[in-house]
Every structure is written in C-alpha cells, then in structure tokens.
Amino acid sequence: MNYTHYDYLDLAPGASTARIEAAYAQVLQRFQFGHTDAGQDLSGLVRMIHSAYRVLSDPEARRAYDEQLAHEAALADAELKALLDAQAHRLPRYAQDVPAALRVVANQLAA
C-alpha cells in the first residue's frame, strides 16, 4: 500500500495550515524518542513525517503534490475501469449463458 503525506500526518487532504501544524506536533510527540518499546528503529518513519510536513506546510509544494495525487488517482481509476471492462464480456450475465453441463452440475449441487 502506498501512503501519502496526508497519511503520515493523519490528515484529510483539505486540512488547514493550523491543522497541519497541530498534527505534525502530535505525531512527532508520539515518536519523540525514535524507538518503540520493542526496540524498533523508527528513524525512517520520522524522516517520512518530516518530509510530509515540509511538503504540506509549503503552499506551492502542497499544490503540486495535490495535483500529482489527483493525476495518479485518475490513472489508477482509468486502469481499473479498463480491467473491469475487459472482464465484463467474459462473465456470463444470465443463467442461460452458462454452459448446459455447468447448469446441470449446479442444479445437482443445489438439490
């Protein structure tokens, strides 16, 4: 799964600048020591949080980032639509479209 800068700061995409500041402080406080109790190194996560804050706190960088996200979402939607359209013609829509042998087996299993 790909995470966005909004995910790292636990924000909705339309968040205000004040909300971004508050979320950044809250998330950093959660990871202030850089390690979990289990001894896991969280420095990579903390770097991603700093990077997310840097992008989202700068209005021009945030606008460019939002445009990039919108473009990626449009590409993913188009890819999914093409995949679903390609599969739609292969699936039988009605029971009459299913081969007779499969209908017989299905009826026997249902009985």
N, C-alpha and C. Protein backbone atom coordinates (compact mmCIF):
# COMPACT_ATOMS: atom_id res chain seq x y z
N MET A 1 0.84 -1.18 0.00
CA MET A 1 0.00 0.00 0.00
C MET A 1 0.88 1.24 0.00
N ASN A 2 0.52 2.18 -0.82
CA ASN A 2 1.25 3.44 -0.87
C ASN A 2 0.62 4.45 0.08
N TYR A 3 1.45 5.02 0.93
CA TYR A 3 0.96 6.03 1.86
C TYR A 3 1.26 7.41 1.30
N THR A 4 0.36 8.35 1.58
CA THR A 4 0.57 9.73 1.15
C THR A 4 1.09 10.54 2.32
N HIS A 5 1.50 11.77 2.04
CA HIS A 5 1.94 12.65 3.12
C HIS A 5 0.79 12.90 4.10
N TYR A 6 -0.42 12.92 3.61
CA TYR A 6 -1.58 13.12 4.48
C TYR A 6 -1.72 11.94 5.45
N ASP A 7 -1.41 10.74 4.97
CA ASP A 7 -1.49 9.56 5.84
C ASP A 7 -0.46 9.62 6.96
N TYR A 8 0.74 10.07 6.64
CA TYR A 8 1.79 10.13 7.66
C TYR A 8 1.44 11.10 8.79
N LEU A 9 0.71 12.15 8.44
CA LEU A 9 0.32 13.13 9.46
C LEU A 9 -1.11 12.91 9.95
N ASP A 10 -1.76 11.85 9.48
CA ASP A 10 -3.12 11.51 9.89
C ASP A 10 -4.07 12.68 9.63
N LEU A 11 -4.06 13.17 8.39
CA LEU A 11 -4.85 14.34 8.00
C LEU A 11 -5.74 14.01 6.81
N ALA A 12 -6.82 14.79 6.70
CA ALA A 12 -7.64 14.76 5.49
C ALA A 12 -6.98 15.68 4.46
N PRO A 13 -7.13 15.42 3.17
CA PRO A 13 -6.47 16.25 2.16
C PRO A 13 -6.82 17.74 2.20
N GLY A 14 -7.96 18.14 2.71
CA GLY A 14 -8.31 19.55 2.74
C GLY A 14 -7.94 20.25 4.03
N ALA A 15 -7.02 19.71 4.81
CA ALA A 15 -6.69 20.25 6.13
C ALA A 15 -6.08 21.64 6.03
N SER A 16 -6.39 22.46 7.03
CA SER A 16 -5.85 23.82 7.08
C SER A 16 -4.40 23.80 7.54
N THR A 17 -3.74 24.95 7.39
CA THR A 17 -2.34 25.06 7.81
C THR A 17 -2.21 24.86 9.31
N ALA A 18 -3.16 25.41 10.07
CA ALA A 18 -3.13 25.24 11.53
C ALA A 18 -3.29 23.77 11.91
N ARG A 19 -4.15 23.06 11.20
CA ARG A 19 -4.37 21.64 11.49
C ARG A 19 -3.11 20.84 11.13
N ILE A 20 -2.42 21.23 10.07
CA ILE A 20 -1.18 20.55 9.69
C ILE A 20 -0.13 20.73 10.78
N GLU A 21 0.00 21.96 11.30
CA GLU A 21 0.96 22.23 12.38
C GLU A 21 0.64 21.38 13.61
N ALA A 22 -0.65 21.34 13.99
CA ALA A 22 -1.06 20.58 15.17
C ALA A 22 -0.83 19.09 14.98
N ALA A 23 -1.16 18.58 13.80
CA ALA A 23 -0.98 17.15 13.53
C ALA A 23 0.50 16.78 13.54
N TYR A 24 1.34 17.65 12.99
CA TYR A 24 2.78 17.41 12.96
C TYR A 24 3.33 17.32 14.39
N ALA A 25 2.93 18.27 15.24
CA ALA A 25 3.40 18.25 16.62
C ALA A 25 2.91 17.00 17.35
N GLN A 26 1.67 16.62 17.10
CA GLN A 26 1.09 15.46 17.77
C GLN A 26 1.79 14.16 17.34
N VAL A 27 2.04 14.03 16.05
CA VAL A 27 2.69 12.81 15.55
C VAL A 27 4.13 12.74 16.03
N LEU A 28 4.82 13.87 16.01
CA LEU A 28 6.21 13.86 16.50
C LEU A 28 6.28 13.53 17.98
N GLN A 29 5.32 14.01 18.74
CA GLN A 29 5.31 13.71 20.17
C GLN A 29 5.14 12.20 20.39
N ARG A 30 4.35 11.58 19.53
CA ARG A 30 4.14 10.14 19.63
C ARG A 30 5.44 9.37 19.40
N PHE A 31 6.30 9.88 18.52
CA PHE A 31 7.54 9.19 18.16
C PHE A 31 8.77 9.96 18.63
N GLN A 32 8.67 10.69 19.72
CA GLN A 32 9.74 11.60 20.12
C GLN A 32 11.06 10.91 20.45
N PHE A 33 11.04 9.69 20.88
CA PHE A 33 12.29 9.03 21.25
C PHE A 33 12.91 8.28 20.09
N GLY A 34 12.18 8.10 19.01
CA GLY A 34 12.74 7.46 17.83
C GLY A 34 12.78 5.95 17.87
N HIS A 35 12.36 5.34 18.98
CA HIS A 35 12.34 3.88 19.09
C HIS A 35 11.04 3.47 19.77
N THR A 36 10.57 2.28 19.46
CA THR A 36 9.41 1.76 20.16
C THR A 36 9.89 1.02 21.40
N ASP A 37 8.95 0.58 22.21
CA ASP A 37 9.30 -0.20 23.39
C ASP A 37 9.96 -1.52 23.00
N ALA A 38 9.64 -2.00 21.81
CA ALA A 38 10.22 -3.26 21.34
C ALA A 38 11.61 -3.06 20.75
N GLY A 39 12.10 -1.83 20.73
CA GLY A 39 13.44 -1.56 20.23
C GLY A 39 13.52 -1.36 18.73
N GLN A 40 12.36 -1.20 18.08
CA GLN A 40 12.38 -0.98 16.63
C GLN A 40 12.85 0.44 16.34
N ASP A 41 13.66 0.57 15.32
CA ASP A 41 14.14 1.89 14.91
C ASP A 41 13.08 2.57 14.06
N LEU A 42 12.65 3.73 14.47
CA LEU A 42 11.61 4.46 13.76
C LEU A 42 12.17 5.66 13.00
N SER A 43 13.49 5.72 12.83
CA SER A 43 14.08 6.90 12.19
C SER A 43 13.57 7.08 10.76
N GLY A 44 13.33 6.00 10.04
CA GLY A 44 12.79 6.10 8.69
C GLY A 44 11.40 6.71 8.69
N LEU A 45 10.57 6.28 9.64
CA LEU A 45 9.22 6.83 9.75
C LEU A 45 9.27 8.30 10.14
N VAL A 46 10.15 8.66 11.05
CA VAL A 46 10.28 10.06 11.47
C VAL A 46 10.74 10.91 10.29
N ARG A 47 11.65 10.39 9.46
CA ARG A 47 12.07 11.13 8.26
C ARG A 47 10.90 11.35 7.31
N MET A 48 10.06 10.33 7.16
CA MET A 48 8.89 10.47 6.29
C MET A 48 7.91 11.50 6.84
N ILE A 49 7.77 11.55 8.16
CA ILE A 49 6.90 12.54 8.79
C ILE A 49 7.43 13.94 8.55
N HIS A 50 8.74 14.13 8.70
CA HIS A 50 9.35 15.44 8.44
C HIS A 50 9.17 15.84 6.97
N SER A 51 9.37 14.89 6.08
CA SER A 51 9.20 15.16 4.65
C SER A 51 7.75 15.54 4.34
N ALA A 52 6.81 14.83 4.94
CA ALA A 52 5.39 15.15 4.73
C ALA A 52 5.08 16.55 5.23
N TYR A 53 5.60 16.90 6.38
CA TYR A 53 5.35 18.24 6.92
C TYR A 53 5.96 19.32 6.02
N ARG A 54 7.18 19.07 5.54
CA ARG A 54 7.83 20.05 4.67
C ARG A 54 7.00 20.32 3.42
N VAL A 55 6.46 19.27 2.83
CA VAL A 55 5.66 19.43 1.60
C VAL A 55 4.32 20.09 1.91
N LEU A 56 3.64 19.63 2.95
CA LEU A 56 2.29 20.13 3.22
C LEU A 56 2.28 21.52 3.83
N SER A 57 3.36 21.94 4.46
CA SER A 57 3.38 23.27 5.07
C SER A 57 3.73 24.36 4.05
N ASP A 58 4.30 23.99 2.92
CA ASP A 58 4.61 24.95 1.86
C ASP A 58 3.46 24.96 0.85
N PRO A 59 2.74 26.08 0.70
CA PRO A 59 1.55 26.10 -0.17
C PRO A 59 1.84 25.70 -1.62
N GLU A 60 2.95 26.14 -2.17
CA GLU A 60 3.26 25.81 -3.57
C GLU A 60 3.59 24.32 -3.72
N ALA A 61 4.38 23.79 -2.79
CA ALA A 61 4.73 22.37 -2.84
C ALA A 61 3.48 21.51 -2.60
N ARG A 62 2.60 21.98 -1.73
CA ARG A 62 1.37 21.23 -1.44
C ARG A 62 0.46 21.21 -2.68
N ARG A 63 0.35 22.33 -3.37
CA ARG A 63 -0.47 22.39 -4.58
C ARG A 63 0.06 21.40 -5.62
N ALA A 64 1.38 21.39 -5.82
CA ALA A 64 1.99 20.47 -6.78
C ALA A 64 1.77 19.02 -6.35
N TYR A 65 1.90 18.75 -5.05
CA TYR A 65 1.70 17.40 -4.53
C TYR A 65 0.26 16.95 -4.72
N ASP A 66 -0.70 17.85 -4.45
CA ASP A 66 -2.11 17.51 -4.64
C ASP A 66 -2.42 17.23 -6.10
N GLU A 67 -1.82 18.00 -7.00
CA GLU A 67 -2.01 17.75 -8.43
C GLU A 67 -1.44 16.38 -8.82
N GLN A 68 -0.29 16.03 -8.27
CA GLN A 68 0.32 14.73 -8.55
C GLN A 68 -0.59 13.60 -8.04
N LEU A 69 -1.13 13.76 -6.83
CA LEU A 69 -2.04 12.75 -6.29
C LEU A 69 -3.28 12.60 -7.15
N ALA A 70 -3.84 13.73 -7.60
CA ALA A 70 -5.04 13.69 -8.44
C ALA A 70 -4.73 12.99 -9.77
N HIS A 71 -3.56 13.26 -10.33
CA HIS A 71 -3.16 12.62 -11.59
C HIS A 71 -3.00 11.11 -11.40
N GLU A 72 -2.34 10.70 -10.32
CA GLU A 72 -2.15 9.28 -10.04
C GLU A 72 -3.49 8.58 -9.80
N ALA A 73 -4.41 9.26 -9.11
CA ALA A 73 -5.73 8.68 -8.86
C ALA A 73 -6.50 8.51 -10.17
N ALA A 74 -6.39 9.49 -11.06
CA ALA A 74 -7.07 9.39 -12.36
C ALA A 74 -6.51 8.24 -13.18
N LEU A 75 -5.19 8.06 -13.15
CA LEU A 75 -4.57 6.94 -13.87
C LEU A 75 -5.02 5.60 -13.29
N ALA A 76 -5.07 5.51 -11.96
CA ALA A 76 -5.50 4.26 -11.32
C ALA A 76 -6.96 3.96 -11.64
N ASP A 77 -7.80 5.00 -11.65
CA ASP A 77 -9.21 4.80 -11.99
C ASP A 77 -9.37 4.32 -13.43
N ALA A 78 -8.61 4.92 -14.33
CA ALA A 78 -8.68 4.51 -15.74
C ALA A 78 -8.21 3.06 -15.91
N GLU A 79 -7.15 2.70 -15.19
CA GLU A 79 -6.64 1.33 -15.27
C GLU A 79 -7.66 0.33 -14.73
N LEU A 80 -8.29 0.66 -13.61
CA LEU A 80 -9.30 -0.22 -13.03
C LEU A 80 -10.51 -0.34 -13.95
N LYS A 81 -10.95 0.76 -14.52
CA LYS A 81 -12.09 0.74 -15.44
C LYS A 81 -11.78 -0.14 -16.64
N ALA A 82 -10.58 -0.01 -17.20
CA ALA A 82 -10.20 -0.83 -18.35
C ALA A 82 -10.18 -2.31 -17.98
N LEU A 83 -9.67 -2.62 -16.79
CA LEU A 83 -9.62 -4.00 -16.34
C LEU A 83 -11.02 -4.57 -16.15
N LEU A 84 -11.91 -3.81 -15.52
CA LEU A 84 -13.27 -4.28 -15.30
C LEU A 84 -14.04 -4.40 -16.61
N ASP A 85 -13.82 -3.47 -17.53
CA ASP A 85 -14.48 -3.56 -18.83
C ASP A 85 -14.00 -4.77 -19.61
N ALA A 86 -12.72 -5.11 -19.48
CA ALA A 86 -12.17 -6.27 -20.19
C ALA A 86 -12.73 -7.57 -19.63
N GLN A 87 -13.01 -7.60 -18.34
CA GLN A 87 -13.53 -8.82 -17.72
C GLN A 87 -15.03 -8.96 -17.90
N ALA A 88 -15.72 -7.87 -18.13
CA ALA A 88 -17.18 -7.90 -18.17
C ALA A 88 -17.71 -8.79 -19.29
N HIS A 89 -17.07 -8.79 -20.44
CA HIS A 89 -17.59 -9.59 -21.55
C HIS A 89 -17.32 -11.08 -21.38
N ARG A 90 -16.44 -11.45 -20.48
CA ARG A 90 -16.12 -12.87 -20.29
C ARG A 90 -17.03 -13.55 -19.29
N LEU A 91 -17.68 -12.79 -18.44
CA LEU A 91 -18.52 -13.38 -17.41
C LEU A 91 -19.96 -13.52 -17.92
N PRO A 92 -20.57 -14.69 -17.73
CA PRO A 92 -21.97 -14.83 -18.17
C PRO A 92 -22.88 -13.96 -17.30
N ARG A 93 -23.83 -13.31 -17.95
CA ARG A 93 -24.73 -12.41 -17.23
C ARG A 93 -26.00 -13.13 -16.79
N TYR A 94 -26.44 -14.11 -17.52
CA TYR A 94 -27.69 -14.79 -17.22
C TYR A 94 -27.43 -16.29 -17.09
N ALA A 95 -28.33 -16.98 -16.40
CA ALA A 95 -28.16 -18.42 -16.22
C ALA A 95 -28.17 -19.14 -17.57
N GLN A 96 -28.92 -18.58 -18.54
CA GLN A 96 -28.98 -19.21 -19.86
C GLN A 96 -27.64 -19.13 -20.58
N ASP A 97 -26.79 -18.18 -20.19
CA ASP A 97 -25.48 -18.03 -20.84
C ASP A 97 -24.45 -19.03 -20.33
N VAL A 98 -24.75 -19.67 -19.20
CA VAL A 98 -23.83 -20.65 -18.63
C VAL A 98 -23.96 -21.95 -19.42
N PRO A 99 -22.85 -22.61 -19.73
CA PRO A 99 -22.93 -23.88 -20.47
C PRO A 99 -23.85 -24.88 -19.77
N ALA A 100 -24.53 -25.69 -20.56
CA ALA A 100 -25.53 -26.63 -20.05
C ALA A 100 -24.94 -27.59 -19.02
N ALA A 101 -23.73 -28.06 -19.26
CA ALA A 101 -23.11 -29.00 -18.32
C ALA A 101 -22.93 -28.37 -16.94
N LEU A 102 -22.55 -27.11 -16.91
CA LEU A 102 -22.38 -26.44 -15.62
C LEU A 102 -23.72 -26.21 -14.93
N ARG A 103 -24.77 -25.94 -15.71
CA ARG A 103 -26.10 -25.76 -15.12
C ARG A 103 -26.58 -27.05 -14.47
N VAL A 104 -26.32 -28.18 -15.13
CA VAL A 104 -26.72 -29.48 -14.58
C VAL A 104 -26.01 -29.73 -13.26
N VAL A 105 -24.71 -29.48 -13.23
CA VAL A 105 -23.92 -29.69 -12.00
C VAL A 105 -24.40 -28.76 -10.91
N ALA A 106 -24.65 -27.51 -11.24
CA ALA A 106 -25.11 -26.54 -10.24
C ALA A 106 -26.46 -26.95 -9.68
N ASN A 107 -27.35 -27.43 -10.52
CA ASN A 107 -28.67 -27.88 -10.06
C ASN A 107 -28.54 -29.10 -9.15
N GLN A 108 -27.62 -30.01 -9.48
CA GLN A 108 -27.43 -31.19 -8.64
C GLN A 108 -26.86 -30.80 -7.29
N LEU A 109 -25.93 -29.84 -7.27
CA LEU A 109 -25.37 -29.39 -6.00
C LEU A 109 -26.39 -28.65 -5.16
N ALA A 110 -27.28 -27.93 -5.80
CA ALA A 110 -28.29 -27.16 -5.08
C ALA A 110 -29.36 -28.06 -4.49
N ALA A 111 -29.56 -29.23 -5.06
CA ALA A 111 -30.63 -30.12 -4.59
C ALA A 111 -30.27 -30.86 -3.34
